[in-house]
Amino acid sequence: MYVKRILSYTLKKAINQFPAVLVSGPRQAGKTTFLKNELSDQFRYISFDDPIERSFAQTDPNGFLKNLNNFPVILDEIQYVPNLLQSIKLDIENRPGCNGRWLITGSQQLQMLQRVSETLAGKIAFLELYPLGIREIGNWDSKPLKNIIWEGGYPDLTLQPEKRELWLRSYMQSYVERYVRQLQNIRDLRPFEQFVAMACARHGKEFNSARFSRETGISLPTAKAWANILEASYLAYFLPPYFDSMGKRTIKSPKLYMADPAIACYLTRQPSSSAAISGAMSQVLFEGLVVMETVKAFTNRGLKPAAWYWRSHDGLEIDLLIQLQGKLIPIEIKPTATPTATDLEALARFRKLAGNERCEPGLLVCCIDGQEQLSYGVTAISWRNFPEWLGGLLN
């Protein structure tokens, strides 16, 4: 069953405006299904997971392109044939004004984006497809929070939650063996697996590469490189700190979030959905869900996330800061159905520090139904309604 994706509007707009479009994202996020269902009647589909197609494109790129007969094409998993990009560039240059001929996908962010950027600069639009957002999940308006966090957003898992344990174990094994060993040339996988486990244990906390280096016994450059692998493969997201001139010394390390809550639960060995949402990790799991919904709201519209967190050395912290139309919106994230004045103090203090002209009163994302006004001008909003609220501001 195909789940309609919010990115579809942005994709069609990009196809009309650029000769090529790249859709990147994690494996199993639904890129192929998305493109086939949105464009199957307009584009020919070729996957470079197929060794025959991959070999043809590698050994005879010009012959491969000629065999397409000028038909618009989806080239899936382009990272396996990076040399084909130069031939695509020449084809684009020979067809000025011809948009929407090349639709490219890939599951590696770092090296692939660098190669594509260098070769097709100004000729390609970059889009990202993450796992399903809250409003893309079936029965999202009635599905319990604990199930959404426990099952995550990968389409196969949301449609068949009964196979959760086997799916997640297979996914992580495939991730380590296929992406890390084959594409990153890491010979001894045990230290890397320990690094991933430690990253999950630090879900929602500051990422300090020196600490990771000490606790896993790897070098500092390796810790930084492996953090890049987590980000490049979309397994983790690093929320940057907001740098300001508000007269306070601030934390300058990013916060690490596993990009999907099901993987965070699985790798931290949460025993059940109820334990996950009521136990020691309930705050960071809920926080991670809201942070990634924010990231998806921006990327679904082809935008770079204007999202940060803020923490001063004297303890004042804002879970999430977004910037829209030149103004900051501070956001606190609490898994409570009964907001109190204490939940609003940080928002009020931050706005006073930033100034009313620069900063909105702020938002409390929590477990209430709907939306309501609180003290200090703060709006409390349900986690179910937050994606629509943010999407409305971005449209």
Protein backbone atom coordinates (compact mmCIF):
# COMPACT_ATOMS: atom_id res chain seq x y z
CA MET A 1 0.00 0.00 0.00
CA TYR A 2 1.41 3.37 -1.04
CA VAL A 3 1.46 6.12 1.59
CA LYS A 4 1.14 9.59 0.05
CA ARG A 5 4.19 11.67 0.97
CA ILE A 6 4.24 15.37 1.78
CA LEU A 7 7.38 15.74 -0.35
CA SER A 8 5.40 15.03 -3.54
CA TYR A 9 4.47 18.67 -4.17
CA THR A 10 8.07 19.83 -3.78
CA LEU A 11 9.28 17.02 -6.03
CA LYS A 12 6.97 18.00 -8.88
CA LYS A 13 7.92 21.65 -8.54
CA ALA A 14 11.63 20.75 -8.66
CA ILE A 15 11.13 18.59 -11.77
CA ASN A 16 9.62 21.57 -13.59
CA GLN A 17 12.49 23.86 -12.57
CA PHE A 18 15.70 21.79 -12.85
CA PRO A 19 17.23 19.41 -15.41
CA ALA A 20 18.01 16.94 -12.60
CA VAL A 21 16.65 16.21 -9.13
CA LEU A 22 18.38 14.19 -6.42
CA VAL A 23 16.27 12.49 -3.75
CA SER A 24 18.44 11.21 -0.92
CA GLY A 25 17.53 9.60 2.37
CA PRO A 26 18.03 6.48 4.49
CA ARG A 27 17.59 3.00 3.10
CA GLN A 28 14.02 1.68 3.42
CA ALA A 29 12.58 5.18 3.87
CA GLY A 30 10.44 4.63 0.78
CA LYS A 31 12.33 6.55 -1.92
CA THR A 32 11.78 3.98 -4.66
CA THR A 33 8.12 3.43 -3.79
CA PHE A 34 7.60 7.19 -3.60
CA LEU A 35 9.10 7.88 -7.02
CA LYS A 36 7.48 4.95 -8.76
CA ASN A 37 4.02 5.86 -7.49
CA GLU A 38 4.37 9.56 -8.20
CA LEU A 39 6.08 9.33 -11.60
CA SER A 40 5.81 5.81 -13.01
CA ASP A 41 3.76 6.97 -15.99
CA GLN A 42 6.37 9.59 -16.93
CA PHE A 43 9.75 8.08 -16.08
CA ARG A 44 11.61 4.88 -16.89
CA TYR A 45 13.02 3.23 -13.75
CA ILE A 46 16.55 1.77 -13.47
CA SER A 47 18.13 0.49 -10.26
CA PHE A 48 21.89 0.23 -9.86
CA ASP A 49 21.32 -2.43 -7.24
CA ASP A 50 20.95 -4.55 -10.40
CA PRO A 51 24.52 -5.74 -11.23
CA ILE A 52 23.78 -5.84 -14.97
CA GLU A 53 22.60 -2.22 -15.12
CA ARG A 54 25.46 -1.18 -12.82
CA SER A 55 28.09 -2.88 -14.99
CA PHE A 56 26.64 -1.38 -18.19
CA ALA A 57 26.70 2.14 -16.73
CA GLN A 58 30.23 1.72 -15.36
CA THR A 59 31.86 0.27 -18.46
CA ASP A 60 30.00 2.18 -21.18
CA PRO A 61 28.33 5.31 -19.73
CA ASN A 62 27.70 6.89 -23.14
CA GLY A 63 26.15 3.69 -24.45
CA PHE A 64 24.04 3.45 -21.33
CA LEU A 65 22.64 6.95 -21.85
CA LYS A 66 22.07 6.36 -25.55
CA ASN A 67 20.06 3.25 -24.70
CA LEU A 68 17.59 5.43 -22.75
CA ASN A 69 16.30 6.90 -26.04
CA ASN A 70 15.90 10.38 -24.55
CA PHE A 71 13.23 9.12 -22.12
CA PRO A 72 13.05 10.72 -18.64
CA VAL A 73 14.57 8.30 -16.17
CA ILE A 74 14.78 7.47 -12.47
CA LEU A 75 18.31 6.29 -11.64
CA ASP A 76 18.09 4.53 -8.27
CA GLU A 77 21.16 4.27 -5.96
CA ILE A 78 23.44 6.47 -8.06
CA GLN A 79 26.27 6.13 -5.51
CA TYR A 80 27.24 2.82 -7.12
CA VAL A 81 28.06 4.48 -10.47
CA PRO A 82 29.49 7.92 -9.61
CA ASN A 83 31.33 8.19 -12.93
CA LEU A 84 28.00 8.32 -14.73
CA LEU A 85 27.46 11.83 -13.37
CA GLN A 86 29.92 13.34 -15.85
CA SER A 87 27.99 11.87 -18.78
CA ILE A 88 24.73 13.19 -17.29
CA LYS A 89 26.33 16.63 -17.02
CA LEU A 90 27.25 16.59 -20.72
CA ASP A 91 23.73 15.48 -21.65
CA ILE A 92 22.24 18.37 -19.66
CA GLU A 93 24.60 20.86 -21.27
CA ASN A 94 23.59 19.60 -24.71
CA ARG A 95 19.89 20.15 -23.88
CA PRO A 96 19.59 23.72 -22.58
CA GLY A 97 16.19 24.43 -21.06
CA CYS A 98 15.22 20.77 -20.84
CA ASN A 99 14.04 20.21 -17.27
CA GLY A 100 12.90 17.08 -15.49
CA ARG A 101 14.85 14.48 -17.47
CA TRP A 102 17.04 13.08 -14.68
CA LEU A 103 15.70 11.90 -11.34
CA ILE A 104 18.45 10.46 -9.15
CA THR A 105 18.29 8.72 -5.76
CA GLY A 106 20.91 7.68 -3.24
CA SER A 107 21.28 6.48 0.33
CA GLN A 108 24.66 8.03 1.08
CA GLN A 109 24.77 11.67 1.97
CA LEU A 110 28.40 12.61 2.39
CA GLN A 111 30.46 11.44 -0.59
CA MET A 112 27.51 11.30 -2.97
CA LEU A 113 26.37 14.86 -2.31
CA GLN A 114 29.92 16.13 -2.69
CA ARG A 115 30.34 14.37 -6.04
CA VAL A 116 26.91 15.45 -7.31
CA SER A 117 27.45 19.04 -6.15
CA GLU A 118 30.78 19.28 -7.91
CA THR A 119 29.56 17.73 -11.16
CA LEU A 120 26.03 19.12 -11.49
CA ALA A 121 26.31 22.45 -9.67
CA GLY A 122 23.41 24.73 -10.62
CA LYS A 123 21.74 21.98 -12.64
CA ILE A 124 20.24 19.84 -9.89
CA ALA A 125 17.78 20.26 -7.01
CA PHE A 126 18.51 18.44 -3.74
CA LEU A 127 15.61 16.86 -1.85
CA GLU A 128 15.59 14.57 1.19
CA LEU A 129 13.05 11.89 2.03
CA TYR A 130 13.07 10.78 5.65
CA PRO A 131 10.90 8.00 7.11
CA LEU A 132 7.22 8.83 7.50
CA GLY A 133 6.26 11.86 9.52
CA ILE A 134 3.45 11.71 12.07
CA ARG A 135 0.79 12.85 9.59
CA GLU A 136 1.92 10.35 6.96
CA ILE A 137 1.42 7.37 9.28
CA GLY A 138 -1.85 5.48 8.97
CA ASN A 139 -4.44 6.34 11.65
CA TRP A 140 -2.12 9.06 12.93
CA ASP A 141 -5.00 10.93 14.57
CA SER A 142 -5.86 8.01 16.85
CA LYS A 143 -2.64 6.02 17.10
CA PRO A 144 -1.20 6.19 20.65
CA LEU A 145 2.03 8.09 21.18
CA LYS A 146 3.72 4.99 22.56
CA ASN A 147 3.01 3.11 19.30
CA ILE A 148 4.32 5.92 17.11
CA ILE A 149 7.57 6.03 19.07
CA TRP A 150 7.85 2.23 19.29
CA GLU A 151 7.15 1.58 15.59
CA GLY A 152 8.84 4.67 14.15
CA GLY A 153 8.34 5.92 10.61
CA TYR A 154 9.86 3.37 8.25
CA PRO A 155 6.97 2.44 5.92
CA ASP A 156 7.40 -1.36 6.09
CA LEU A 157 7.41 -1.23 9.86
CA THR A 158 4.38 1.05 10.24
CA LEU A 159 2.37 -1.16 7.88
CA GLN A 160 3.44 -4.42 9.54
CA PRO A 161 4.35 -3.66 13.17
CA GLU A 162 4.12 -7.35 14.08
CA LYS A 163 7.50 -7.94 12.43
CA ARG A 164 9.20 -5.12 14.36
CA GLU A 165 11.96 -7.07 16.12
CA LEU A 166 13.05 -9.04 13.08
CA TRP A 167 12.84 -6.00 10.79
CA LEU A 168 14.96 -3.80 13.07
CA ARG A 169 17.55 -6.51 13.66
CA SER A 170 17.82 -7.13 9.91
CA TYR A 171 17.95 -3.42 9.16
CA MET A 172 20.81 -2.77 11.55
CA GLN A 173 22.72 -5.82 10.36
CA SER A 174 22.30 -4.69 6.76
CA TYR A 175 23.30 -1.15 7.72
CA VAL A 176 26.54 -2.28 9.35
CA GLU A 177 27.47 -4.91 6.77
CA ARG A 178 26.43 -3.12 3.59
CA TYR A 179 26.97 0.54 4.29
CA VAL A 180 29.78 0.54 6.81
CA ARG A 181 31.89 -2.44 5.78
CA GLN A 182 31.48 -2.22 2.02
CA LEU A 183 31.34 1.52 1.50
CA GLN A 184 33.45 2.86 4.38
CA ASN A 185 36.08 0.10 4.48
CA ILE A 186 35.95 -0.46 8.24
CA ARG A 187 37.58 -3.84 8.82
CA ASP A 188 36.81 -4.41 12.51
CA LEU A 189 33.15 -3.68 13.03
CA ARG A 190 32.99 -4.28 16.79
CA PRO A 191 34.32 -0.83 17.80
CA PHE A 192 31.92 0.77 15.34
CA GLU A 193 28.99 -1.21 16.74
CA GLN A 194 29.99 -0.03 20.24
CA PHE A 195 30.11 3.52 18.88
CA VAL A 196 26.56 3.20 17.50
CA ALA A 197 25.32 1.74 20.79
CA MET A 198 26.88 4.62 22.69
CA ALA A 199 25.31 7.11 20.28
CA CYS A 200 21.89 5.61 21.05
CA ALA A 201 22.57 5.82 24.77
CA ARG A 202 23.32 9.53 24.22
CA HIS A 203 20.10 10.10 22.27
CA GLY A 204 18.95 13.66 22.94
CA LYS A 205 22.21 14.70 24.60
CA GLU A 206 25.25 16.71 23.54
CA PHE A 207 27.69 15.02 21.22
CA ASN A 208 31.26 15.31 22.44
CA SER A 209 33.66 13.56 20.08
CA ALA A 210 36.47 13.53 22.67
CA ARG A 211 34.25 11.69 25.14
CA PHE A 212 33.16 9.20 22.49
CA SER A 213 36.84 8.66 21.64
CA ARG A 214 37.79 7.93 25.25
CA GLU A 215 34.86 5.66 26.04
CA THR A 216 35.12 3.54 22.88
CA GLY A 217 38.92 3.44 22.72
CA ILE A 218 39.17 4.94 19.25
CA SER A 219 41.12 7.98 18.10
CA LEU A 220 39.54 11.43 18.06
CA PRO A 221 39.71 11.68 14.23
CA THR A 222 38.00 8.28 14.00
CA ALA A 223 35.24 9.37 16.40
CA LYS A 224 34.60 12.44 14.24
CA ALA A 225 34.65 10.35 11.05
CA TRP A 226 32.23 7.81 12.47
CA ALA A 227 29.89 10.57 13.59
CA ASN A 228 29.91 11.74 9.98
CA ILE A 229 28.98 8.20 8.92
CA LEU A 230 25.96 8.21 11.24
CA GLU A 231 24.83 11.53 9.78
CA ALA A 232 25.65 10.65 6.16
CA SER A 233 23.64 7.45 6.37
CA TYR A 234 20.71 9.25 8.05
CA LEU A 235 20.94 7.04 11.12
CA ALA A 236 21.47 10.08 13.34
CA TYR A 237 20.74 13.79 13.20
CA PHE A 238 22.93 16.41 14.85
CA LEU A 239 20.93 19.42 16.00
CA PRO A 240 23.33 22.38 16.01
CA PRO A 241 23.57 24.89 18.85
CA TYR A 242 22.34 28.41 18.25
CA PHE A 243 25.10 30.99 18.39
CA ASP A 244 23.97 34.38 19.58
CA SER A 245 25.12 37.68 20.95
CA MET A 246 22.88 37.74 24.00
CA GLY A 247 25.65 38.16 26.54
CA LYS A 248 25.77 34.57 27.81
CA ARG A 249 28.36 31.86 27.28
CA THR A 250 26.62 29.05 25.45
CA ILE A 251 27.21 25.37 24.78
CA LYS A 252 28.73 24.86 21.34
CA SER A 253 28.39 21.11 20.84
CA PRO A 254 25.51 19.70 18.75
CA LYS A 255 22.86 17.44 20.25
CA LEU A 256 22.67 13.91 18.87
CA TYR A 257 19.32 12.36 17.99
CA MET A 258 18.76 8.97 16.42
CA ALA A 259 16.72 9.91 13.36
CA ASP A 260 13.97 7.35 13.96
CA PRO A 261 12.48 6.57 17.38
CA ALA A 262 12.04 2.83 16.67
CA ILE A 263 15.79 2.47 16.14
CA ALA A 264 16.48 4.50 19.29
CA CYS A 265 14.18 2.19 21.28
CA TYR A 266 15.65 -0.93 19.73
CA LEU A 267 19.30 -0.08 20.28
CA THR A 268 18.72 1.10 23.85
CA ARG A 269 16.91 -2.19 24.56
CA GLN A 270 13.60 -0.73 25.64
CA PRO A 271 11.51 -3.73 26.78
CA SER A 272 8.14 -2.44 25.55
CA SER A 273 6.34 0.55 24.14
CA SER A 274 4.89 1.37 27.55
CA ALA A 275 8.31 1.25 29.19
CA ALA A 276 9.77 3.47 26.48
CA ILE A 277 7.21 6.24 26.98
CA SER A 278 7.13 6.05 30.79
CA GLY A 279 10.70 5.14 31.66
CA ALA A 280 13.99 6.99 32.02
CA MET A 281 14.19 7.80 28.29
CA SER A 282 10.64 9.10 27.89
CA GLN A 283 11.70 12.75 27.72
CA VAL A 284 14.44 12.30 25.11
CA LEU A 285 12.37 9.91 22.99
CA PHE A 286 9.50 12.40 22.90
CA GLU A 287 11.93 15.26 22.30
CA GLY A 288 13.59 13.37 19.45
CA LEU A 289 10.21 12.72 17.82
CA VAL A 290 9.36 16.44 17.82
CA VAL A 291 12.85 17.49 16.66
CA MET A 292 12.72 15.11 13.70
CA GLU A 293 9.18 16.25 12.83
CA THR A 294 10.66 19.75 12.63
CA VAL A 295 13.47 18.58 10.34
CA LYS A 296 10.96 16.78 8.10
CA ALA A 297 8.71 19.84 7.93
CA PHE A 298 11.58 21.83 6.44
CA THR A 299 13.04 19.15 4.14
CA ASN A 300 9.61 18.18 2.79
CA ARG A 301 9.44 21.70 1.40
CA GLY A 302 12.97 21.64 -0.02
CA LEU A 303 14.32 23.87 2.77
CA LYS A 304 17.38 23.57 4.96
CA PRO A 305 16.17 23.22 8.57
CA ALA A 306 16.41 26.55 10.38
CA ALA A 307 16.43 24.69 13.69
CA TRP A 308 18.77 24.72 16.66
CA TYR A 309 18.85 24.22 20.40
CA TRP A 310 20.19 26.72 22.93
CA ARG A 311 21.85 26.20 26.28
CA SER A 312 23.84 28.62 28.39
CA HIS A 313 26.59 27.64 30.81
CA ASP A 314 24.44 28.77 33.74
CA GLY A 315 21.74 26.21 32.93
CA LEU A 316 19.14 28.05 30.85
CA GLU A 317 18.07 25.71 28.04
CA ILE A 318 15.63 25.81 25.13
CA ASP A 319 14.93 22.39 23.59
CA LEU A 320 14.33 23.73 20.10
CA LEU A 321 14.69 27.07 18.33
CA ILE A 322 13.30 27.67 14.87
CA GLN A 323 13.58 30.83 12.81
CA LEU A 324 10.79 31.97 10.52
CA GLN A 325 10.47 35.32 8.78
CA GLY A 326 13.43 36.68 10.71
CA LYS A 327 12.05 35.88 14.18
CA LEU A 328 13.01 33.18 16.64
CA ILE A 329 10.38 30.81 18.00
CA PRO A 330 11.58 29.04 21.16
CA ILE A 331 10.00 25.64 21.77
CA GLU A 332 9.90 23.52 24.88
CA ILE A 333 9.09 19.81 24.49
CA LYS A 334 7.52 17.99 27.43
CA PRO A 335 5.62 14.65 27.43
CA THR A 336 3.01 15.95 29.86
CA ALA A 337 -0.75 16.34 29.56
CA THR A 338 -0.80 18.86 32.40
CA PRO A 339 1.44 21.87 31.65
CA THR A 340 2.53 23.90 34.66
CA ALA A 341 4.13 27.30 35.14
CA THR A 342 7.48 25.57 35.63
CA ASP A 343 7.31 24.26 32.03
CA LEU A 344 7.11 27.85 30.77
CA GLU A 345 9.89 29.48 32.78
CA ALA A 346 12.70 28.81 30.31
CA LEU A 347 10.63 30.23 27.43
CA ALA A 348 9.86 33.41 29.37
CA ARG A 349 13.49 33.87 30.43
CA PHE A 350 14.79 33.28 26.93
CA ARG A 351 12.38 35.77 25.37
CA LYS A 352 13.38 38.40 27.91
CA LEU A 353 17.03 37.75 27.09
CA ALA A 354 16.52 37.75 23.29
CA GLY A 355 14.08 40.69 23.22
CA ASN A 356 10.47 40.87 22.13
CA GLU A 357 11.38 42.32 18.73
CA ARG A 358 13.57 39.34 17.95
CA CYS A 359 11.69 36.51 19.63
CA GLU A 360 8.11 35.19 19.74
CA PRO A 361 6.55 34.15 23.08
CA GLY A 362 7.16 30.51 22.22
CA LEU A 363 5.51 27.13 22.09
CA LEU A 364 5.11 24.17 24.42
CA VAL A 365 4.73 20.88 22.53
CA CYS A 366 3.14 18.37 24.88
CA CYS A 367 0.45 15.73 25.26
CA ILE A 368 -2.65 17.89 25.53
CA ASP A 369 -5.53 17.64 23.07
CA GLY A 370 -5.53 20.42 20.50
CA GLN A 371 -4.12 23.82 21.42
CA GLU A 372 -4.47 26.34 24.25
CA GLN A 373 -3.04 29.61 25.47
CA LEU A 374 -0.91 29.68 28.62
CA SER A 375 0.89 32.31 30.69
CA TYR A 376 3.58 34.59 29.20
CA GLY A 377 1.81 34.42 25.83
CA VAL A 378 3.00 30.83 25.33
CA THR A 379 0.90 28.47 23.21
CA ALA A 380 0.60 24.83 24.24
CA ILE A 381 0.04 22.46 21.32
CA SER A 382 -0.44 18.74 20.95
CA TRP A 383 2.38 16.76 19.39
CA ARG A 384 -0.24 15.50 16.88
CA ASN A 385 -0.98 19.06 15.73
CA PHE A 386 2.56 20.40 15.79
CA PRO A 387 3.54 19.17 12.28
CA GLU A 388 0.49 20.85 10.71
CA TRP A 389 1.15 24.06 12.68
CA LEU A 390 4.75 24.24 11.49
CA GLY A 391 3.90 23.18 7.95
CA GLY A 392 1.34 25.99 7.74
CA LEU A 393 4.02 28.53 8.63
CA LEU A 394 6.42 27.11 6.04
CA ASN A 395 3.96 26.93 3.13
